[in-house]
N, C-alpha and C. Protein backbone atom coordinates (compact mmCIF):
# COMPACT_ATOMS: atom_id res chain seq x y z
N MET A 1 176.49 317.28 171.41
CA MET A 1 175.17 317.40 170.82
C MET A 1 174.34 316.17 171.17
N ASN A 2 173.15 316.40 171.66
CA ASN A 2 172.18 315.34 171.93
C ASN A 2 170.92 315.64 171.14
N ILE A 3 170.19 314.59 170.82
CA ILE A 3 168.90 314.72 170.14
C ILE A 3 167.87 314.00 170.99
N THR A 4 166.76 314.68 171.28
CA THR A 4 165.65 314.05 171.98
C THR A 4 164.46 314.01 171.04
N LEU A 5 163.86 312.83 170.95
CA LEU A 5 162.68 312.64 170.12
C LEU A 5 161.46 312.54 171.02
N ILE A 6 160.48 313.41 170.78
CA ILE A 6 159.24 313.35 171.54
C ILE A 6 158.09 313.09 170.58
N GLY A 7 157.01 312.58 171.12
CA GLY A 7 155.84 312.31 170.31
C GLY A 7 154.98 311.24 170.94
N MET A 8 153.85 311.03 170.33
CA MET A 8 152.90 310.04 170.82
C MET A 8 153.48 308.63 170.77
N PRO A 9 152.94 307.74 171.62
CA PRO A 9 153.29 306.33 171.44
C PRO A 9 152.94 305.94 170.00
N GLY A 10 153.84 305.24 169.34
CA GLY A 10 153.60 304.85 167.96
C GLY A 10 154.13 305.84 166.93
N SER A 11 154.70 306.95 167.39
CA SER A 11 155.21 307.95 166.44
C SER A 11 156.57 307.57 165.87
N GLY A 12 157.23 306.59 166.48
CA GLY A 12 158.52 306.12 165.96
C GLY A 12 159.73 306.54 166.75
N LYS A 13 159.55 307.01 167.98
CA LYS A 13 160.67 307.52 168.76
C LYS A 13 161.79 306.48 168.93
N THR A 14 161.43 305.26 169.28
CA THR A 14 162.44 304.23 169.51
C THR A 14 163.11 303.81 168.21
N VAL A 15 162.33 303.52 167.20
CA VAL A 15 162.88 303.09 165.91
C VAL A 15 163.78 304.17 165.32
N ILE A 16 163.29 305.39 165.27
CA ILE A 16 164.06 306.50 164.70
C ILE A 16 165.28 306.80 165.57
N GLY A 17 165.10 306.77 166.88
CA GLY A 17 166.22 307.00 167.80
C GLY A 17 167.36 306.02 167.58
N LYS A 18 167.02 304.74 167.41
CA LYS A 18 168.05 303.73 167.15
C LYS A 18 168.73 303.98 165.80
N MET A 19 167.95 304.36 164.81
CA MET A 19 168.52 304.65 163.48
C MET A 19 169.47 305.83 163.56
N LEU A 20 169.06 306.89 164.25
CA LEU A 20 169.91 308.07 164.38
C LEU A 20 171.18 307.75 165.16
N ALA A 21 171.03 307.01 166.26
CA ALA A 21 172.20 306.65 167.06
C ALA A 21 173.21 305.88 166.21
N GLY A 22 172.72 304.94 165.43
CA GLY A 22 173.61 304.17 164.57
C GLY A 22 174.29 305.03 163.51
N ALA A 23 173.52 305.89 162.87
CA ALA A 23 174.05 306.74 161.80
C ALA A 23 175.04 307.77 162.32
N LEU A 24 174.79 308.27 163.52
CA LEU A 24 175.62 309.34 164.07
C LEU A 24 176.71 308.85 165.01
N GLY A 25 176.68 307.56 165.34
CA GLY A 25 177.63 307.04 166.32
C GLY A 25 177.31 307.49 167.72
N PHE A 26 176.04 307.74 167.99
CA PHE A 26 175.58 308.21 169.30
C PHE A 26 175.17 307.02 170.18
N GLU A 27 175.14 307.24 171.46
CA GLU A 27 174.54 306.30 172.40
C GLU A 27 173.03 306.44 172.30
N PHE A 28 172.30 305.34 172.38
CA PHE A 28 170.84 305.39 172.35
C PHE A 28 170.30 305.19 173.76
N PHE A 29 169.38 306.06 174.17
CA PHE A 29 168.74 305.93 175.48
C PHE A 29 167.23 305.91 175.30
N ASP A 30 166.59 304.87 175.82
CA ASP A 30 165.14 304.70 175.76
C ASP A 30 164.63 304.62 177.20
N SER A 31 163.87 305.62 177.64
CA SER A 31 163.44 305.64 179.04
C SER A 31 162.48 304.50 179.36
N ASP A 32 161.65 304.07 178.42
CA ASP A 32 160.76 302.93 178.68
C ASP A 32 161.59 301.68 178.98
N ALA A 33 162.64 301.44 178.20
CA ALA A 33 163.50 300.28 178.43
C ALA A 33 164.21 300.39 179.78
N ALA A 34 164.61 301.61 180.16
CA ALA A 34 165.27 301.81 181.46
C ALA A 34 164.31 301.51 182.61
N ILE A 35 163.06 301.89 182.45
CA ILE A 35 162.05 301.61 183.48
C ILE A 35 161.80 300.11 183.58
N VAL A 36 161.71 299.44 182.45
CA VAL A 36 161.51 297.98 182.44
C VAL A 36 162.68 297.29 183.14
N ARG A 37 163.90 297.72 182.84
CA ARG A 37 165.09 297.14 183.50
C ARG A 37 165.05 297.36 185.01
N GLU A 38 164.69 298.57 185.41
CA GLU A 38 164.69 298.88 186.84
C GLU A 38 163.68 298.05 187.61
N PHE A 39 162.50 297.88 187.06
CA PHE A 39 161.44 297.15 187.76
C PHE A 39 161.44 295.65 187.47
N GLY A 40 162.08 295.24 186.38
CA GLY A 40 162.08 293.84 186.01
C GLY A 40 160.72 293.34 185.57
N LEU A 41 159.91 294.25 185.09
CA LEU A 41 158.55 293.92 184.65
C LEU A 41 158.26 294.61 183.32
N PRO A 42 157.34 294.05 182.53
CA PRO A 42 156.92 294.75 181.32
C PRO A 42 156.27 296.09 181.68
N LEU A 43 156.37 297.05 180.78
CA LEU A 43 155.86 298.40 181.01
C LEU A 43 154.40 298.44 181.49
N PRO A 44 153.48 297.67 180.87
CA PRO A 44 152.09 297.73 181.35
C PRO A 44 151.96 297.31 182.82
N GLN A 45 152.76 296.33 183.23
CA GLN A 45 152.70 295.89 184.63
C GLN A 45 153.30 296.94 185.57
N VAL A 46 154.37 297.58 185.14
CA VAL A 46 154.94 298.65 185.96
C VAL A 46 153.89 299.74 186.17
N LEU A 47 153.27 300.16 185.09
CA LEU A 47 152.24 301.21 185.16
C LEU A 47 151.09 300.77 186.07
N GLU A 48 150.68 299.54 185.92
CA GLU A 48 149.58 299.00 186.75
C GLU A 48 149.98 298.94 188.23
N ASN A 49 151.19 298.50 188.50
CA ASN A 49 151.64 298.32 189.89
C ASN A 49 151.89 299.63 190.63
N VAL A 50 152.49 300.61 189.95
CA VAL A 50 152.86 301.83 190.66
C VAL A 50 151.86 302.96 190.46
N GLY A 51 151.01 302.87 189.45
CA GLY A 51 150.06 303.94 189.17
C GLY A 51 150.69 305.02 188.31
N GLU A 52 149.83 305.80 187.67
CA GLU A 52 150.32 306.81 186.73
C GLU A 52 151.15 307.90 187.39
N LYS A 53 150.72 308.38 188.54
CA LYS A 53 151.45 309.47 189.21
C LYS A 53 152.88 309.06 189.56
N GLU A 54 153.03 307.89 190.15
CA GLU A 54 154.37 307.41 190.52
C GLU A 54 155.19 307.05 189.28
N PHE A 55 154.52 306.52 188.25
CA PHE A 55 155.21 306.20 187.00
C PHE A 55 155.82 307.46 186.41
N LEU A 56 155.04 308.54 186.37
CA LEU A 56 155.54 309.80 185.81
C LEU A 56 156.72 310.34 186.61
N LYS A 57 156.67 310.22 187.94
CA LYS A 57 157.79 310.66 188.78
C LYS A 57 159.04 309.84 188.47
N LYS A 58 158.86 308.52 188.32
CA LYS A 58 159.99 307.63 188.05
C LYS A 58 160.57 307.92 186.66
N GLU A 59 159.69 308.14 185.69
CA GLU A 59 160.13 308.47 184.34
C GLU A 59 160.97 309.75 184.35
N GLU A 60 160.49 310.77 185.05
CA GLU A 60 161.21 312.03 185.15
C GLU A 60 162.59 311.81 185.77
N MET A 61 162.62 311.10 186.88
CA MET A 61 163.86 310.86 187.60
C MET A 61 164.87 310.10 186.73
N ILE A 62 164.42 309.07 186.04
CA ILE A 62 165.31 308.27 185.20
C ILE A 62 165.85 309.08 184.03
N VAL A 63 164.98 309.84 183.39
CA VAL A 63 165.42 310.64 182.23
C VAL A 63 166.47 311.65 182.66
N ILE A 64 166.23 312.36 183.74
CA ILE A 64 167.19 313.37 184.20
C ILE A 64 168.50 312.72 184.64
N ALA A 65 168.41 311.65 185.43
CA ALA A 65 169.60 311.00 185.97
C ALA A 65 170.46 310.36 184.87
N GLN A 66 169.83 309.76 183.89
CA GLN A 66 170.59 308.97 182.91
C GLN A 66 170.99 309.75 181.66
N THR A 67 170.57 311.01 181.57
CA THR A 67 170.99 311.81 180.40
C THR A 67 171.81 313.03 180.80
N GLY A 68 171.90 313.31 182.08
CA GLY A 68 172.67 314.47 182.53
C GLY A 68 174.15 314.27 182.29
N ASP A 69 174.84 315.35 181.98
CA ASP A 69 176.30 315.33 181.77
C ASP A 69 176.74 314.36 180.69
N LYS A 70 175.88 314.09 179.72
CA LYS A 70 176.25 313.19 178.62
C LYS A 70 176.14 313.96 177.31
N ASP A 71 176.90 313.47 176.34
CA ASP A 71 176.89 314.09 175.02
C ASP A 71 176.81 312.97 173.99
N ASN A 72 176.38 313.33 172.80
CA ASN A 72 176.25 312.37 171.70
C ASN A 72 175.27 311.25 172.04
N MET A 73 174.08 311.66 172.43
CA MET A 73 173.01 310.71 172.73
C MET A 73 171.80 310.97 171.84
N ALA A 74 171.15 309.89 171.45
CA ALA A 74 169.82 309.95 170.85
C ALA A 74 168.88 309.48 171.96
N ILE A 75 168.02 310.37 172.42
CA ILE A 75 167.19 310.13 173.60
C ILE A 75 165.75 309.91 173.17
N SER A 76 165.19 308.79 173.61
CA SER A 76 163.80 308.46 173.30
C SER A 76 163.04 308.28 174.61
N PRO A 77 162.48 309.39 175.12
CA PRO A 77 161.68 309.25 176.34
C PRO A 77 160.29 308.74 176.00
N GLY A 78 159.57 308.26 177.01
CA GLY A 78 158.20 307.85 176.79
C GLY A 78 157.37 309.05 176.35
N GLY A 79 156.27 308.77 175.68
CA GLY A 79 155.41 309.85 175.18
C GLY A 79 154.85 310.74 176.26
N SER A 80 154.80 310.21 177.49
CA SER A 80 154.24 310.98 178.61
C SER A 80 155.24 311.92 179.25
N ILE A 81 156.49 311.94 178.79
CA ILE A 81 157.50 312.80 179.41
C ILE A 81 157.10 314.27 179.38
N VAL A 82 156.27 314.67 178.43
CA VAL A 82 155.88 316.07 178.32
C VAL A 82 154.99 316.52 179.48
N TYR A 83 154.54 315.60 180.31
CA TYR A 83 153.79 315.97 181.51
C TYR A 83 154.72 316.46 182.62
N SER A 84 156.02 316.28 182.44
CA SER A 84 157.01 316.71 183.45
C SER A 84 157.77 317.93 182.96
N SER A 85 157.46 319.09 183.50
CA SER A 85 158.19 320.30 183.15
C SER A 85 159.66 320.19 183.52
N ALA A 86 159.95 319.56 184.66
CA ALA A 86 161.35 319.42 185.09
C ALA A 86 162.15 318.59 184.08
N ALA A 87 161.59 317.48 183.64
CA ALA A 87 162.29 316.63 182.67
C ALA A 87 162.44 317.36 181.34
N MET A 88 161.39 318.05 180.91
CA MET A 88 161.46 318.74 179.62
C MET A 88 162.42 319.92 179.66
N GLU A 89 162.48 320.64 180.78
CA GLU A 89 163.45 321.73 180.90
C GLU A 89 164.87 321.18 180.86
N HIS A 90 165.08 320.04 181.50
CA HIS A 90 166.39 319.38 181.47
C HIS A 90 166.74 318.99 180.03
N LEU A 91 165.81 318.32 179.34
CA LEU A 91 166.07 317.89 177.97
C LEU A 91 166.30 319.08 177.04
N LYS A 92 165.59 320.17 177.28
CA LYS A 92 165.75 321.38 176.46
C LYS A 92 167.17 321.94 176.62
N LYS A 93 167.73 321.85 177.84
CA LYS A 93 169.07 322.36 178.10
C LYS A 93 170.15 321.49 177.46
N ILE A 94 169.93 320.18 177.42
CA ILE A 94 171.01 319.28 176.98
C ILE A 94 170.85 318.78 175.55
N SER A 95 169.74 319.12 174.87
CA SER A 95 169.52 318.52 173.56
C SER A 95 168.67 319.40 172.65
N THR A 96 168.66 319.00 171.39
CA THR A 96 167.71 319.54 170.43
C THR A 96 166.50 318.62 170.49
N ILE A 97 165.33 319.18 170.73
CA ILE A 97 164.12 318.37 170.86
C ILE A 97 163.36 318.37 169.54
N ILE A 98 163.13 317.17 169.04
CA ILE A 98 162.44 316.99 167.77
C ILE A 98 161.13 316.25 168.02
N TYR A 99 160.05 316.88 167.63
CA TYR A 99 158.71 316.30 167.75
C TYR A 99 158.43 315.47 166.51
N LEU A 100 158.25 314.17 166.71
CA LEU A 100 157.86 313.28 165.63
C LEU A 100 156.34 313.30 165.57
N LYS A 101 155.83 314.08 164.64
CA LYS A 101 154.39 314.32 164.57
C LYS A 101 153.71 313.33 163.62
N SER A 102 152.81 312.56 164.17
CA SER A 102 152.00 311.63 163.38
C SER A 102 150.55 312.04 163.52
N SER A 103 149.76 311.78 162.49
CA SER A 103 148.34 312.09 162.54
C SER A 103 147.63 311.10 163.47
N LEU A 104 146.49 311.51 163.97
CA LEU A 104 145.71 310.64 164.85
C LEU A 104 145.38 309.30 164.18
N PRO A 105 144.91 309.27 162.92
CA PRO A 105 144.63 307.96 162.31
C PRO A 105 145.85 307.05 162.23
N VAL A 106 147.03 307.62 161.97
CA VAL A 106 148.25 306.81 161.92
C VAL A 106 148.58 306.26 163.30
N ILE A 107 148.49 307.10 164.32
CA ILE A 107 148.76 306.64 165.70
C ILE A 107 147.77 305.55 166.08
N GLU A 108 146.50 305.76 165.80
CA GLU A 108 145.48 304.75 166.14
C GLU A 108 145.79 303.42 165.46
N ALA A 109 146.19 303.46 164.21
CA ALA A 109 146.51 302.22 163.49
C ALA A 109 147.76 301.55 164.06
N ARG A 110 148.76 302.35 164.43
CA ARG A 110 150.02 301.78 164.92
C ARG A 110 149.89 301.18 166.32
N ILE A 111 149.05 301.76 167.17
CA ILE A 111 148.98 301.26 168.55
C ILE A 111 147.70 300.49 168.85
N LYS A 112 146.91 300.21 167.85
CA LYS A 112 145.62 299.55 168.03
C LYS A 112 145.71 298.30 168.91
N ASN A 113 146.62 297.42 168.60
CA ASN A 113 146.76 296.17 169.33
C ASN A 113 148.07 296.10 170.10
N TRP A 114 148.55 297.25 170.51
CA TRP A 114 149.83 297.33 171.20
C TRP A 114 149.67 296.91 172.65
N PRO A 115 150.43 295.91 173.10
CA PRO A 115 150.26 295.42 174.47
C PRO A 115 151.08 296.18 175.50
N ARG A 116 151.14 297.50 175.39
CA ARG A 116 151.93 298.24 176.36
C ARG A 116 151.08 299.30 177.05
N GLY A 117 151.48 299.61 178.25
CA GLY A 117 150.74 300.62 179.00
C GLY A 117 151.01 302.00 178.46
N ILE A 118 149.98 302.81 178.48
CA ILE A 118 150.10 304.20 178.04
C ILE A 118 149.51 305.06 179.14
N VAL A 119 150.27 306.03 179.64
CA VAL A 119 149.76 306.93 180.66
C VAL A 119 148.53 307.64 180.10
N GLY A 120 147.43 307.53 180.82
CA GLY A 120 146.18 308.13 180.39
C GLY A 120 145.30 307.16 179.63
N GLY A 121 145.83 305.97 179.31
CA GLY A 121 145.12 305.00 178.50
C GLY A 121 143.90 304.37 179.14
N LYS A 122 143.82 304.41 180.46
CA LYS A 122 142.65 303.82 181.13
C LYS A 122 141.48 304.79 181.20
N SER A 123 141.78 306.06 181.39
CA SER A 123 140.71 307.03 181.59
C SER A 123 140.33 307.80 180.33
N LYS A 124 141.16 307.70 179.29
CA LYS A 124 140.93 308.47 178.07
C LYS A 124 141.13 307.56 176.86
N ASN A 125 140.46 307.92 175.77
CA ASN A 125 140.73 307.18 174.54
C ASN A 125 141.91 307.86 173.83
N ILE A 126 142.37 307.24 172.76
CA ILE A 126 143.55 307.73 172.06
C ILE A 126 143.34 309.17 171.57
N ALA A 127 142.18 309.44 171.04
CA ALA A 127 141.91 310.79 170.53
C ALA A 127 142.00 311.83 171.64
N GLN A 128 141.53 311.48 172.83
CA GLN A 128 141.57 312.44 173.94
C GLN A 128 143.00 312.72 174.38
N PHE A 129 143.82 311.67 174.56
CA PHE A 129 145.18 312.00 175.01
C PHE A 129 146.04 312.52 173.87
N TYR A 130 145.68 312.24 172.62
CA TYR A 130 146.35 312.86 171.47
C TYR A 130 146.08 314.37 171.53
N GLY A 131 144.84 314.75 171.75
CA GLY A 131 144.48 316.16 171.84
C GLY A 131 145.12 316.86 173.02
N GLU A 132 145.27 316.14 174.11
CA GLU A 132 145.89 316.69 175.32
C GLU A 132 147.40 316.86 175.16
N ARG A 133 148.05 315.91 174.53
CA ARG A 133 149.51 315.92 174.44
C ARG A 133 150.05 316.77 173.29
N THR A 134 149.33 316.85 172.19
CA THR A 134 149.85 317.56 171.02
C THR A 134 150.33 318.97 171.35
N PRO A 135 149.55 319.79 172.07
CA PRO A 135 150.06 321.14 172.40
C PRO A 135 151.34 321.10 173.25
N LEU A 136 151.49 320.08 174.08
CA LEU A 136 152.70 319.96 174.89
C LEU A 136 153.91 319.60 174.03
N TYR A 137 153.73 318.69 173.09
CA TYR A 137 154.83 318.36 172.17
C TYR A 137 155.23 319.60 171.37
N GLU A 138 154.24 320.32 170.90
CA GLU A 138 154.51 321.53 170.11
C GLU A 138 155.22 322.59 170.95
N LYS A 139 154.83 322.71 172.20
CA LYS A 139 155.44 323.69 173.11
C LYS A 139 156.93 323.43 173.30
N TRP A 140 157.30 322.18 173.50
CA TRP A 140 158.68 321.85 173.84
C TRP A 140 159.59 321.64 172.63
N ALA A 141 159.02 321.40 171.46
CA ALA A 141 159.83 321.05 170.28
C ALA A 141 160.65 322.22 169.76
N ASP A 142 161.89 321.92 169.42
CA ASP A 142 162.72 322.86 168.68
C ASP A 142 162.42 322.74 167.19
N MET A 143 162.05 321.53 166.78
CA MET A 143 161.76 321.22 165.39
C MET A 143 160.67 320.15 165.35
N THR A 144 159.96 320.10 164.23
CA THR A 144 158.94 319.08 164.04
C THR A 144 159.22 318.35 162.74
N VAL A 145 159.07 317.02 162.79
CA VAL A 145 159.25 316.19 161.61
C VAL A 145 158.01 315.32 161.45
N ASP A 146 157.52 315.23 160.23
CA ASP A 146 156.36 314.39 159.92
C ASP A 146 156.77 312.93 160.05
N SER A 147 156.14 312.21 160.97
CA SER A 147 156.49 310.79 161.14
C SER A 147 155.39 309.87 160.63
N ASN A 148 154.57 310.37 159.72
CA ASN A 148 153.57 309.53 159.08
C ASN A 148 154.19 308.66 157.98
N GLN A 149 155.45 308.88 157.68
CA GLN A 149 156.12 308.19 156.58
C GLN A 149 157.01 307.06 157.09
N GLU A 150 157.66 306.38 156.17
CA GLU A 150 158.54 305.27 156.51
C GLU A 150 159.68 305.75 157.41
N ALA A 151 160.14 304.85 158.28
CA ALA A 151 161.15 305.20 159.28
C ALA A 151 162.42 305.78 158.65
N ASN A 152 162.90 305.20 157.56
CA ASN A 152 164.14 305.73 156.97
C ASN A 152 163.96 307.15 156.46
N LYS A 153 162.78 307.47 155.97
CA LYS A 153 162.51 308.84 155.50
C LYS A 153 162.42 309.81 156.68
N VAL A 154 161.85 309.34 157.79
CA VAL A 154 161.78 310.17 159.00
C VAL A 154 163.19 310.45 159.51
N ALA A 155 164.02 309.40 159.57
CA ALA A 155 165.40 309.58 160.04
C ALA A 155 166.16 310.55 159.13
N GLU A 156 165.98 310.42 157.82
CA GLU A 156 166.62 311.35 156.88
C GLU A 156 166.14 312.79 157.11
N ALA A 157 164.86 312.94 157.36
CA ALA A 157 164.31 314.29 157.60
C ALA A 157 164.89 314.89 158.88
N VAL A 158 165.06 314.06 159.90
CA VAL A 158 165.67 314.55 161.15
C VAL A 158 167.11 314.97 160.88
N MET A 159 167.85 314.14 160.17
CA MET A 159 169.25 314.47 159.86
C MET A 159 169.33 315.78 159.08
N GLU A 160 168.42 315.97 158.15
CA GLU A 160 168.40 317.20 157.37
C GLU A 160 168.08 318.40 158.26
N LYS A 161 167.12 318.23 159.15
CA LYS A 161 166.73 319.34 160.05
C LYS A 161 167.88 319.77 160.94
N ILE A 162 168.63 318.79 161.44
CA ILE A 162 169.72 319.14 162.36
C ILE A 162 171.01 319.46 161.62
N LYS A 163 170.98 319.28 160.28
CA LYS A 163 172.15 319.60 159.44
C LYS A 163 173.41 318.90 159.92
N PHE A 164 173.26 317.64 160.28
CA PHE A 164 174.40 316.87 160.77
C PHE A 164 174.61 315.69 159.85
N ARG A 165 175.83 315.46 159.48
CA ARG A 165 176.17 314.34 158.62
C ARG A 165 177.17 313.44 159.34
N PRO A 166 176.98 312.13 159.24
CA PRO A 166 177.98 311.23 159.83
C PRO A 166 179.34 311.45 159.17
N LYS A 167 180.39 311.14 159.87
CA LYS A 167 181.73 311.29 159.32
C LYS A 167 181.86 310.51 158.02
N GLY A 168 182.51 311.12 157.04
CA GLY A 168 182.72 310.46 155.77
C GLY A 168 181.59 310.64 154.77
N VAL A 169 180.51 311.29 155.16
CA VAL A 169 179.38 311.52 154.26
C VAL A 169 179.35 312.99 153.88
N ASN A 170 179.29 313.26 152.59
CA ASN A 170 179.25 314.65 152.12
C ASN A 170 177.85 315.13 151.92
């Protein structure tokens, strides 16, 4: 069993993914961190250096390569992964996809001063790419969890949705 968390930047994918991995004894995979490791540069610089089109190709390739044939993973891809049908079809086959849905005002507040690159961030404002991505998150999600709340409550809601309990917990 694998769990993939999708959602906007700032929706809590990394924080919740780490919490779930710890609670379930799963491996945690963060595609943004994998991209940073591969390029040896912060995410905004990678995006700036390679451009959005190449970044999306690299993100797709890394997600597919590093999650294939694995089990017991909590997967946190970048928010832009939904632009790749190939990556999303792969994730759909290997995992339960959970959309961490946050409202636009919450996302705006969380990423207001965030020093990281966001695909679409140069040509669109947050509201525009929120509107563009939301239907894609909804399309690919097996389940949706409200991520406007505290991280521990979001993690609990995910655990309840997937009906999975760590060993030793009734």
